């Protein structure tokens, strides 16, 4: 995952920058959704 940010920092052209922005955004939201689902599961299990 950190390699994606390194590639983005090293890219020079606009096409690559836009591609990396999209990839980073998708990765961020995937991580956020996954973490949220996991927290919700632990909260439900803890409540039982």
N, C-alpha and C. Protein backbone atom coordinates (compact mmCIF):
# COMPACT_ATOMS: atom_id res chain seq x y z
N UNK A 1 0.82 -1.19 0.00
CA UNK A 1 0.00 0.00 0.00
C UNK A 1 0.87 1.27 0.00
N UNK A 2 1.91 1.39 0.83
CA UNK A 2 2.70 2.62 0.80
C UNK A 2 3.37 2.85 -0.56
N UNK A 3 3.62 1.77 -1.29
CA UNK A 3 4.28 1.89 -2.58
C UNK A 3 3.43 2.73 -3.54
N UNK A 4 2.12 2.66 -3.42
CA UNK A 4 1.23 3.44 -4.27
C UNK A 4 1.50 4.93 -4.10
N UNK A 5 1.71 5.37 -2.88
CA UNK A 5 1.97 6.78 -2.62
C UNK A 5 3.35 7.19 -3.14
N UNK A 6 4.31 6.27 -3.08
CA UNK A 6 5.64 6.55 -3.63
C UNK A 6 5.55 6.72 -5.14
N UNK A 7 4.84 5.81 -5.80
CA UNK A 7 4.68 5.92 -7.25
C UNK A 7 3.99 7.24 -7.61
N UNK A 8 3.00 7.62 -6.84
CA UNK A 8 2.29 8.87 -7.10
C UNK A 8 3.24 10.07 -6.95
N UNK A 9 4.04 10.05 -5.91
CA UNK A 9 4.98 11.15 -5.68
C UNK A 9 6.03 11.23 -6.79
N UNK A 10 6.39 10.09 -7.38
CA UNK A 10 7.42 10.07 -8.41
C UNK A 10 6.87 10.32 -9.81
N UNK A 11 5.58 10.29 -10.00
CA UNK A 11 5.00 10.45 -11.34
C UNK A 11 5.09 11.91 -11.78
N UNK A 12 5.29 12.08 -13.08
CA UNK A 12 5.47 13.42 -13.63
C UNK A 12 4.30 13.89 -14.48
N UNK A 13 3.65 12.97 -15.17
CA UNK A 13 2.61 13.39 -16.10
C UNK A 13 1.23 13.41 -15.44
N UNK A 14 0.35 14.19 -16.01
CA UNK A 14 -0.99 14.41 -15.45
C UNK A 14 -1.83 13.12 -15.48
N UNK A 15 -1.68 12.33 -16.52
CA UNK A 15 -2.44 11.09 -16.63
C UNK A 15 -2.14 10.15 -15.46
N UNK A 16 -0.85 9.99 -15.16
CA UNK A 16 -0.47 9.14 -14.03
C UNK A 16 -0.96 9.71 -12.71
N UNK A 17 -0.86 11.02 -12.54
CA UNK A 17 -1.34 11.64 -11.31
C UNK A 17 -2.82 11.38 -11.10
N UNK A 18 -3.61 11.54 -12.14
CA UNK A 18 -5.06 11.29 -12.02
C UNK A 18 -5.34 9.81 -11.72
N UNK A 19 -4.60 8.92 -12.36
CA UNK A 19 -4.79 7.48 -12.12
C UNK A 19 -4.48 7.15 -10.67
N UNK A 20 -3.37 7.68 -10.14
CA UNK A 20 -3.01 7.40 -8.75
C UNK A 20 -4.00 8.02 -7.77
N UNK A 21 -4.53 9.17 -8.08
CA UNK A 21 -5.55 9.78 -7.22
C UNK A 21 -6.77 8.89 -7.10
N UNK A 22 -7.20 8.33 -8.24
CA UNK A 22 -8.36 7.44 -8.24
C UNK A 22 -8.05 6.18 -7.43
N UNK A 23 -6.87 5.61 -7.64
CA UNK A 23 -6.49 4.40 -6.91
C UNK A 23 -6.41 4.65 -5.42
N UNK A 24 -5.84 5.78 -5.03
CA UNK A 24 -5.73 6.11 -3.61
C UNK A 24 -7.10 6.35 -2.98
N UNK A 25 -7.97 7.02 -3.72
CA UNK A 25 -9.32 7.27 -3.22
C UNK A 25 -10.07 5.95 -3.01
N UNK A 26 -9.98 5.05 -3.98
CA UNK A 26 -10.66 3.75 -3.85
C UNK A 26 -10.09 2.96 -2.69
N UNK A 27 -8.77 2.99 -2.54
CA UNK A 27 -8.14 2.28 -1.44
C UNK A 27 -8.56 2.85 -0.10
N UNK A 28 -8.62 4.17 0.01
CA UNK A 28 -9.03 4.81 1.26
C UNK A 28 -10.44 4.41 1.64
N UNK A 29 -11.37 4.51 0.67
CA UNK A 29 -12.76 4.20 0.99
C UNK A 29 -12.97 2.71 1.24
N UNK A 30 -12.21 1.86 0.56
CA UNK A 30 -12.31 0.42 0.83
C UNK A 30 -11.84 0.15 2.26
N UNK A 31 -10.74 0.77 2.65
CA UNK A 31 -10.21 0.57 4.00
C UNK A 31 -11.19 1.11 5.04
N UNK A 32 -11.76 2.27 4.76
CA UNK A 32 -12.72 2.86 5.70
C UNK A 32 -13.95 1.95 5.85
N UNK A 33 -14.50 1.46 4.73
CA UNK A 33 -15.67 0.60 4.78
C UNK A 33 -15.37 -0.70 5.51
N UNK A 34 -14.22 -1.30 5.23
CA UNK A 34 -13.85 -2.55 5.88
C UNK A 34 -13.70 -2.35 7.38
N UNK A 35 -13.03 -1.29 7.77
CA UNK A 35 -12.84 -1.02 9.19
C UNK A 35 -14.17 -0.77 9.87
N UNK A 36 -15.05 -0.05 9.20
CA UNK A 36 -16.36 0.25 9.77
C UNK A 36 -17.15 -1.06 9.97
N UNK A 37 -17.13 -1.94 8.99
CA UNK A 37 -17.85 -3.20 9.11
C UNK A 37 -17.29 -4.05 10.25
N UNK A 38 -15.98 -4.08 10.38
CA UNK A 38 -15.35 -4.85 11.45
C UNK A 38 -15.74 -4.28 12.81
N UNK A 39 -15.69 -2.98 12.95
CA UNK A 39 -16.08 -2.35 14.21
C UNK A 39 -17.54 -2.64 14.55
N UNK A 40 -18.38 -2.61 13.55
CA UNK A 40 -19.79 -2.89 13.77
C UNK A 40 -19.99 -4.32 14.25
N UNK A 41 -19.26 -5.26 13.65
CA UNK A 41 -19.37 -6.67 14.08
C UNK A 41 -18.94 -6.83 15.54
N UNK A 42 -17.81 -6.21 15.90
CA UNK A 42 -17.35 -6.32 17.28
C UNK A 42 -18.31 -5.66 18.25
N UNK A 43 -18.91 -4.59 17.83
CA UNK A 43 -19.88 -3.89 18.68
C UNK A 43 -21.11 -4.77 18.91
N UNK A 44 -21.58 -5.44 17.86
CA UNK A 44 -22.75 -6.31 17.99
C UNK A 44 -22.42 -7.50 18.86
N UNK A 45 -21.26 -8.12 18.65
CA UNK A 45 -20.86 -9.29 19.44
C UNK A 45 -20.67 -8.89 20.90
N UNK A 46 -20.11 -7.73 21.12
CA UNK A 46 -19.88 -7.26 22.49
C UNK A 46 -21.19 -6.99 23.21
N UNK A 47 -22.20 -6.61 22.46
CA UNK A 47 -23.50 -6.29 23.03
C UNK A 47 -24.27 -7.56 23.46
N UNK A 48 -23.96 -8.66 22.85
CA UNK A 48 -24.71 -9.90 23.14
C UNK A 48 -24.32 -10.49 24.48
